[in-house]
Structure formats: C-alpha cells, structure tokens
Amino acid sequence: MGSFNFRAAQDTSPVQRGLARFRLLAKSSGSPTFDLTLYDYVPQQPYNYVNSNQWLLVSANIPSVTAQDFRAEFYNLGGAFSGPRIVELDAFAPVPEPTVAALFAAGLVVFARNLRSVREIRR
C-alpha cells in the first residue's frame, strides 16, 4: 500500500481558487486510458484541513498498483480566477518487506563466510 499527501489553499472570503474535486488515476498494463481510480475526493467548502499550518488537505493510503503512468486531476470550483491553488502533491511508495529468497540468500552468504573462517582456523 502506498500513500500520498496533497496540499492546497484557497481564498476564503469569498471562496476563490478553490478545488471542487481531486482524482488520482493510473493506467493498467496495456490500457490506452487511465482506467484505475486510486483516489477520488470532493473537499468541504471552505476546506477542512488535516493540518492547516501546512495546508495539508488530504493524507491518504492508496492500494498497491503496478503502473507506469499516473494522472492527477484538479477540478476548479469556479469564481473569478482560472484554477485551484495547488501547493504540492507528494507520493510515497511502500518499503518492500524482505522476501524469503532475499533472506535465504543473505543466510547463505553468512554461512559461506563462517565456513571459510572455520577452514582457515583448521589450517
């Protein structure tokens, strides 16, 4: 499972440069379109921040996906300005756990080193 943090800001009196909707998409293998919706969010107006000091609007986990192409869509709330004020979008990949094969290989390396040390002592 991966995760992301999304920061956005808006003017509040009146609400301007606001975000009406945010979607995070991916292309599945062989697909010509962004057919996987990883996250879909419609914010409360005015924004209800997770952390208002950092303009952190969303901090969420997303399902693991094998993809090379991703897309973020930002929908404008409307008003006198031409788009929402996006501050930052950060994605974090999960740290893979060691597999059995990797642990087995590491064990073999340690075993080989110990075996070599024993042989050198016997000489």
N, C-alpha and C. Protein backbone atom coordinates (compact mmCIF):
# COMPACT_ATOMS: atom_id res chain seq x y z
N MET A 1 0.85 -1.16 0.00
CA MET A 1 0.00 0.00 0.00
C MET A 1 0.90 1.23 0.00
N GLY A 2 0.62 2.16 -0.89
CA GLY A 2 1.34 3.42 -0.95
C GLY A 2 0.52 4.51 -0.26
N SER A 3 1.03 5.72 -0.28
CA SER A 3 0.31 6.82 0.33
C SER A 3 0.68 8.13 -0.37
N PHE A 4 -0.08 9.17 -0.08
CA PHE A 4 0.23 10.47 -0.64
C PHE A 4 -0.24 11.56 0.31
N ASN A 5 0.36 12.73 0.17
CA ASN A 5 -0.07 13.95 0.84
C ASN A 5 -0.39 14.98 -0.23
N PHE A 6 -1.50 15.66 -0.05
CA PHE A 6 -1.94 16.66 -1.02
C PHE A 6 -2.19 17.97 -0.28
N ARG A 7 -1.50 19.02 -0.73
CA ARG A 7 -1.64 20.34 -0.11
C ARG A 7 -2.26 21.31 -1.11
N ALA A 8 -3.24 22.05 -0.64
CA ALA A 8 -3.91 23.05 -1.48
C ALA A 8 -4.37 24.19 -0.59
N ALA A 9 -4.55 25.35 -1.19
CA ALA A 9 -5.00 26.52 -0.44
C ALA A 9 -6.08 27.23 -1.25
N GLN A 10 -6.86 28.02 -0.56
CA GLN A 10 -7.90 28.81 -1.23
C GLN A 10 -8.12 30.10 -0.47
N ASP A 11 -8.67 31.07 -1.17
CA ASP A 11 -9.10 32.30 -0.52
C ASP A 11 -10.46 31.99 0.11
N THR A 12 -10.70 32.51 1.29
CA THR A 12 -11.94 32.12 1.98
C THR A 12 -13.01 33.20 2.04
N SER A 13 -12.69 34.41 1.63
CA SER A 13 -13.71 35.44 1.77
C SER A 13 -13.76 36.33 0.53
N PRO A 14 -14.49 36.02 -0.49
CA PRO A 14 -15.26 34.79 -0.71
C PRO A 14 -14.33 33.65 -1.13
N VAL A 15 -14.88 32.44 -1.20
CA VAL A 15 -14.09 31.28 -1.60
C VAL A 15 -13.67 31.45 -3.06
N GLN A 16 -12.36 31.55 -3.28
CA GLN A 16 -11.79 31.69 -4.62
C GLN A 16 -10.60 30.73 -4.72
N ARG A 17 -10.22 30.40 -5.94
CA ARG A 17 -9.10 29.49 -6.21
C ARG A 17 -9.29 28.17 -5.50
N GLY A 18 -10.54 27.76 -5.39
CA GLY A 18 -10.86 26.54 -4.68
C GLY A 18 -10.88 25.32 -5.58
N LEU A 19 -10.80 24.19 -4.95
CA LEU A 19 -10.79 22.89 -5.61
C LEU A 19 -12.16 22.26 -5.42
N ALA A 20 -12.81 21.89 -6.52
CA ALA A 20 -14.11 21.24 -6.44
C ALA A 20 -13.98 19.73 -6.30
N ARG A 21 -12.91 19.18 -6.89
CA ARG A 21 -12.71 17.73 -6.87
C ARG A 21 -11.27 17.41 -7.22
N PHE A 22 -10.76 16.33 -6.64
CA PHE A 22 -9.41 15.83 -6.92
C PHE A 22 -9.50 14.34 -7.19
N ARG A 23 -8.87 13.89 -8.29
CA ARG A 23 -8.83 12.46 -8.61
C ARG A 23 -7.41 12.05 -8.93
N LEU A 24 -7.04 10.88 -8.44
CA LEU A 24 -5.74 10.29 -8.73
C LEU A 24 -5.99 9.00 -9.52
N LEU A 25 -5.43 8.94 -10.74
CA LEU A 25 -5.70 7.84 -11.65
C LEU A 25 -4.42 7.15 -12.09
N ALA A 26 -4.56 5.94 -12.64
CA ALA A 26 -3.42 5.21 -13.20
C ALA A 26 -3.90 4.41 -14.41
N LYS A 27 -2.95 4.07 -15.27
CA LYS A 27 -3.23 3.20 -16.42
C LYS A 27 -2.85 1.77 -16.05
N SER A 28 -3.77 0.84 -16.21
CA SER A 28 -3.41 -0.55 -16.00
C SER A 28 -2.58 -1.02 -17.20
N SER A 29 -1.88 -2.11 -17.03
CA SER A 29 -0.98 -2.62 -18.06
C SER A 29 -1.72 -2.84 -19.38
N GLY A 30 -1.22 -2.20 -20.44
CA GLY A 30 -1.81 -2.35 -21.77
C GLY A 30 -3.01 -1.47 -22.06
N SER A 31 -3.45 -0.70 -21.08
CA SER A 31 -4.63 0.15 -21.29
C SER A 31 -4.23 1.47 -21.96
N PRO A 32 -5.01 1.94 -22.94
CA PRO A 32 -4.73 3.23 -23.56
C PRO A 32 -5.28 4.40 -22.74
N THR A 33 -6.10 4.11 -21.73
CA THR A 33 -6.72 5.17 -20.93
C THR A 33 -6.37 5.00 -19.46
N PHE A 34 -6.60 6.04 -18.69
CA PHE A 34 -6.42 5.98 -17.24
C PHE A 34 -7.67 5.33 -16.65
N ASP A 35 -7.62 4.02 -16.53
CA ASP A 35 -8.80 3.24 -16.17
C ASP A 35 -8.87 2.85 -14.69
N LEU A 36 -7.84 3.16 -13.92
CA LEU A 36 -7.84 2.84 -12.49
C LEU A 36 -7.97 4.12 -11.67
N THR A 37 -9.02 4.21 -10.88
CA THR A 37 -9.19 5.35 -9.97
C THR A 37 -8.61 4.95 -8.63
N LEU A 38 -7.51 5.59 -8.25
CA LEU A 38 -6.85 5.27 -6.99
C LEU A 38 -7.42 6.08 -5.83
N TYR A 39 -7.89 7.30 -6.13
CA TYR A 39 -8.45 8.14 -5.09
C TYR A 39 -9.37 9.18 -5.72
N ASP A 40 -10.49 9.43 -5.11
CA ASP A 40 -11.45 10.43 -5.59
C ASP A 40 -11.92 11.22 -4.37
N TYR A 41 -11.78 12.54 -4.43
CA TYR A 41 -12.03 13.38 -3.26
C TYR A 41 -12.77 14.65 -3.65
N VAL A 42 -13.82 14.94 -2.91
CA VAL A 42 -14.56 16.20 -3.06
C VAL A 42 -14.44 16.92 -1.71
N PRO A 43 -13.69 18.04 -1.66
CA PRO A 43 -13.46 18.70 -0.37
C PRO A 43 -14.67 19.50 0.10
N GLN A 44 -14.74 19.63 1.40
CA GLN A 44 -15.72 20.51 2.03
C GLN A 44 -15.33 21.95 1.72
N GLN A 45 -16.30 22.84 1.56
CA GLN A 45 -16.02 24.25 1.29
C GLN A 45 -16.46 25.12 2.46
N PRO A 46 -15.65 26.00 2.99
CA PRO A 46 -14.22 26.10 2.74
C PRO A 46 -13.54 24.83 3.25
N TYR A 47 -12.27 24.66 2.86
CA TYR A 47 -11.54 23.43 3.17
C TYR A 47 -11.52 23.13 4.67
N ASN A 48 -11.58 21.85 4.97
CA ASN A 48 -11.39 21.34 6.32
C ASN A 48 -10.05 20.60 6.31
N TYR A 49 -8.98 21.29 6.70
CA TYR A 49 -7.62 20.77 6.58
C TYR A 49 -7.32 19.68 7.60
N VAL A 50 -6.47 18.73 7.19
CA VAL A 50 -5.90 17.76 8.12
C VAL A 50 -4.89 18.49 9.01
N ASN A 51 -4.11 19.40 8.41
CA ASN A 51 -3.15 20.24 9.13
C ASN A 51 -3.17 21.62 8.46
N SER A 52 -3.82 22.58 9.09
CA SER A 52 -3.98 23.89 8.47
C SER A 52 -2.68 24.68 8.40
N ASN A 53 -1.72 24.40 9.30
CA ASN A 53 -0.43 25.11 9.26
C ASN A 53 0.36 24.77 7.99
N GLN A 54 0.15 23.58 7.46
CA GLN A 54 0.88 23.14 6.27
C GLN A 54 -0.02 23.05 5.04
N TRP A 55 -1.24 23.51 5.13
CA TRP A 55 -2.23 23.41 4.05
C TRP A 55 -2.44 21.97 3.61
N LEU A 56 -2.30 21.02 4.55
CA LEU A 56 -2.46 19.60 4.23
C LEU A 56 -3.95 19.30 4.14
N LEU A 57 -4.41 19.10 2.93
CA LEU A 57 -5.83 18.86 2.69
C LEU A 57 -6.17 17.37 2.78
N VAL A 58 -5.30 16.52 2.23
CA VAL A 58 -5.53 15.08 2.23
C VAL A 58 -4.22 14.36 2.53
N SER A 59 -4.28 13.36 3.39
CA SER A 59 -3.19 12.44 3.63
C SER A 59 -3.83 11.06 3.65
N ALA A 60 -3.54 10.25 2.64
CA ALA A 60 -4.29 9.00 2.50
C ALA A 60 -3.42 7.87 1.99
N ASN A 61 -3.85 6.66 2.30
CA ASN A 61 -3.25 5.45 1.75
C ASN A 61 -4.01 5.07 0.50
N ILE A 62 -3.29 4.50 -0.45
CA ILE A 62 -3.93 4.02 -1.68
C ILE A 62 -3.49 2.59 -1.91
N PRO A 63 -4.30 1.80 -2.63
CA PRO A 63 -3.94 0.41 -2.87
C PRO A 63 -2.69 0.31 -3.75
N SER A 64 -1.95 -0.76 -3.55
CA SER A 64 -0.79 -1.01 -4.40
C SER A 64 -1.25 -1.25 -5.82
N VAL A 65 -0.49 -0.71 -6.76
CA VAL A 65 -0.84 -0.87 -8.17
C VAL A 65 0.45 -0.96 -8.97
N THR A 66 0.43 -1.79 -10.00
CA THR A 66 1.57 -1.86 -10.91
C THR A 66 1.21 -1.03 -12.12
N ALA A 67 1.84 0.13 -12.25
CA ALA A 67 1.55 1.04 -13.36
C ALA A 67 2.76 1.93 -13.59
N GLN A 68 2.87 2.42 -14.81
CA GLN A 68 3.94 3.35 -15.14
C GLN A 68 3.41 4.76 -15.37
N ASP A 69 2.12 4.87 -15.65
CA ASP A 69 1.52 6.17 -15.94
C ASP A 69 0.48 6.52 -14.90
N PHE A 70 0.62 7.71 -14.32
CA PHE A 70 -0.32 8.20 -13.32
C PHE A 70 -0.81 9.58 -13.74
N ARG A 71 -1.97 9.95 -13.23
CA ARG A 71 -2.55 11.24 -13.59
C ARG A 71 -3.28 11.82 -12.38
N ALA A 72 -3.06 13.10 -12.13
CA ALA A 72 -3.79 13.81 -11.09
C ALA A 72 -4.70 14.81 -11.78
N GLU A 73 -5.97 14.79 -11.42
CA GLU A 73 -6.94 15.73 -12.00
C GLU A 73 -7.43 16.67 -10.90
N PHE A 74 -7.43 17.97 -11.22
CA PHE A 74 -7.85 19.00 -10.29
C PHE A 74 -9.00 19.77 -10.94
N TYR A 75 -10.16 19.75 -10.33
CA TYR A 75 -11.34 20.42 -10.89
C TYR A 75 -11.54 21.75 -10.18
N ASN A 76 -11.74 22.80 -10.97
CA ASN A 76 -11.90 24.15 -10.45
C ASN A 76 -13.28 24.34 -9.83
N LEU A 77 -13.31 25.02 -8.69
CA LEU A 77 -14.57 25.31 -8.01
C LEU A 77 -15.34 26.42 -8.72
N GLY A 78 -14.63 27.24 -9.46
CA GLY A 78 -15.28 28.36 -10.14
C GLY A 78 -14.91 29.67 -9.46
N GLY A 79 -15.45 30.73 -9.98
CA GLY A 79 -15.14 32.04 -9.41
C GLY A 79 -14.38 32.89 -10.41
N ALA A 80 -13.80 33.96 -9.91
CA ALA A 80 -13.14 34.93 -10.77
C ALA A 80 -11.78 34.47 -11.28
N PHE A 81 -11.21 33.45 -10.67
CA PHE A 81 -9.88 33.01 -11.07
C PHE A 81 -9.95 31.70 -11.86
N SER A 82 -8.91 31.43 -12.63
CA SER A 82 -8.98 30.36 -13.63
C SER A 82 -8.62 28.97 -13.12
N GLY A 83 -8.26 28.79 -11.88
CA GLY A 83 -7.94 27.45 -11.42
C GLY A 83 -7.71 27.37 -9.93
N PRO A 84 -7.73 26.14 -9.39
CA PRO A 84 -7.49 25.97 -7.96
C PRO A 84 -6.03 26.21 -7.61
N ARG A 85 -5.78 26.57 -6.37
CA ARG A 85 -4.42 26.81 -5.90
C ARG A 85 -3.87 25.50 -5.32
N ILE A 86 -3.09 24.80 -6.15
CA ILE A 86 -2.46 23.55 -5.76
C ILE A 86 -1.07 23.88 -5.22
N VAL A 87 -0.77 23.42 -4.02
CA VAL A 87 0.51 23.72 -3.40
C VAL A 87 1.50 22.59 -3.66
N GLU A 88 1.08 21.34 -3.41
CA GLU A 88 2.03 20.23 -3.51
C GLU A 88 1.29 18.90 -3.50
N LEU A 89 1.82 17.94 -4.23
CA LEU A 89 1.32 16.57 -4.22
C LEU A 89 2.53 15.66 -4.09
N ASP A 90 2.62 14.93 -2.99
CA ASP A 90 3.75 14.03 -2.72
C ASP A 90 3.24 12.60 -2.62
N ALA A 91 3.91 11.69 -3.32
CA ALA A 91 3.56 10.28 -3.26
C ALA A 91 4.68 9.51 -2.57
N PHE A 92 4.29 8.49 -1.82
CA PHE A 92 5.25 7.68 -1.09
C PHE A 92 5.01 6.21 -1.42
N ALA A 93 6.05 5.54 -1.90
CA ALA A 93 5.95 4.12 -2.20
C ALA A 93 6.16 3.31 -0.93
N PRO A 94 5.53 2.16 -0.85
CA PRO A 94 5.75 1.33 0.32
C PRO A 94 7.18 0.77 0.34
N VAL A 95 7.69 0.55 1.51
CA VAL A 95 9.01 -0.08 1.64
C VAL A 95 8.78 -1.59 1.56
N PRO A 96 9.39 -2.25 0.56
CA PRO A 96 9.12 -3.68 0.42
C PRO A 96 9.72 -4.48 1.58
N GLU A 97 8.97 -5.46 2.02
CA GLU A 97 9.46 -6.35 3.04
C GLU A 97 10.41 -7.35 2.40
N PRO A 98 11.41 -7.81 3.14
CA PRO A 98 12.33 -8.78 2.55
C PRO A 98 11.59 -10.07 2.19
N THR A 99 11.89 -10.57 1.04
CA THR A 99 11.25 -11.82 0.62
C THR A 99 12.01 -13.00 1.17
N VAL A 100 11.40 -14.14 1.08
CA VAL A 100 12.04 -15.36 1.56
C VAL A 100 13.33 -15.61 0.80
N ALA A 101 13.32 -15.36 -0.51
CA ALA A 101 14.52 -15.58 -1.32
C ALA A 101 15.66 -14.67 -0.88
N ALA A 102 15.35 -13.42 -0.58
CA ALA A 102 16.39 -12.49 -0.14
C ALA A 102 16.96 -12.91 1.21
N LEU A 103 16.10 -13.34 2.12
CA LEU A 103 16.57 -13.80 3.42
C LEU A 103 17.41 -15.07 3.28
N PHE A 104 16.99 -15.98 2.41
CA PHE A 104 17.74 -17.21 2.17
C PHE A 104 19.12 -16.89 1.60
N ALA A 105 19.18 -15.96 0.63
CA ALA A 105 20.46 -15.57 0.03
C ALA A 105 21.38 -14.94 1.08
N ALA A 106 20.83 -14.10 1.94
CA ALA A 106 21.64 -13.49 3.00
C ALA A 106 22.15 -14.55 3.96
N GLY A 107 21.32 -15.54 4.27
CA GLY A 107 21.75 -16.64 5.12
C GLY A 107 22.87 -17.45 4.50
N LEU A 108 22.81 -17.66 3.20
CA LEU A 108 23.88 -18.39 2.51
C LEU A 108 25.20 -17.63 2.56
N VAL A 109 25.15 -16.33 2.42
CA VAL A 109 26.36 -15.51 2.49
C VAL A 109 27.00 -15.63 3.87
N VAL A 110 26.19 -15.53 4.91
CA VAL A 110 26.71 -15.65 6.28
C VAL A 110 27.28 -17.05 6.51
N PHE A 111 26.57 -18.08 6.03
CA PHE A 111 27.05 -19.46 6.17
C PHE A 111 28.39 -19.65 5.46
N ALA A 112 28.51 -19.12 4.23
CA ALA A 112 29.75 -19.26 3.47
C ALA A 112 30.91 -18.56 4.17
N ARG A 113 30.69 -17.40 4.73
CA ARG A 113 31.74 -16.68 5.46
C ARG A 113 32.19 -17.47 6.68
N ASN A 114 31.22 -18.01 7.43
CA ASN A 114 31.55 -18.79 8.61
C ASN A 114 32.31 -20.06 8.24
N LEU A 115 31.90 -20.72 7.19
CA LEU A 115 32.57 -21.93 6.73
C LEU A 115 34.01 -21.63 6.33
N ARG A 116 34.22 -20.53 5.66
CA ARG A 116 35.55 -20.12 5.25
C ARG A 116 36.44 -19.84 6.47
N SER A 117 35.87 -19.17 7.48
CA SER A 117 36.62 -18.89 8.71
C SER A 117 37.03 -20.17 9.42
N VAL A 118 36.14 -21.15 9.48
CA VAL A 118 36.43 -22.44 10.13
C VAL A 118 37.54 -23.14 9.40
N ARG A 119 37.53 -23.13 8.08
CA ARG A 119 38.58 -23.79 7.29
C ARG A 119 39.93 -23.13 7.51
N GLU A 120 39.95 -21.79 7.62
CA GLU A 120 41.20 -21.08 7.85
C GLU A 120 41.77 -21.38 9.23
N ILE A 121 40.93 -21.55 10.23
CA ILE A 121 41.37 -21.85 11.59
C ILE A 121 41.98 -23.25 11.63
N ARG A 122 41.41 -24.22 10.92
CA ARG A 122 41.89 -25.60 10.95
C ARG A 122 43.25 -25.74 10.28
N ARG A 123 43.64 -24.83 9.42
CA ARG A 123 44.94 -24.91 8.72
C ARG A 123 46.00 -24.58 9.63
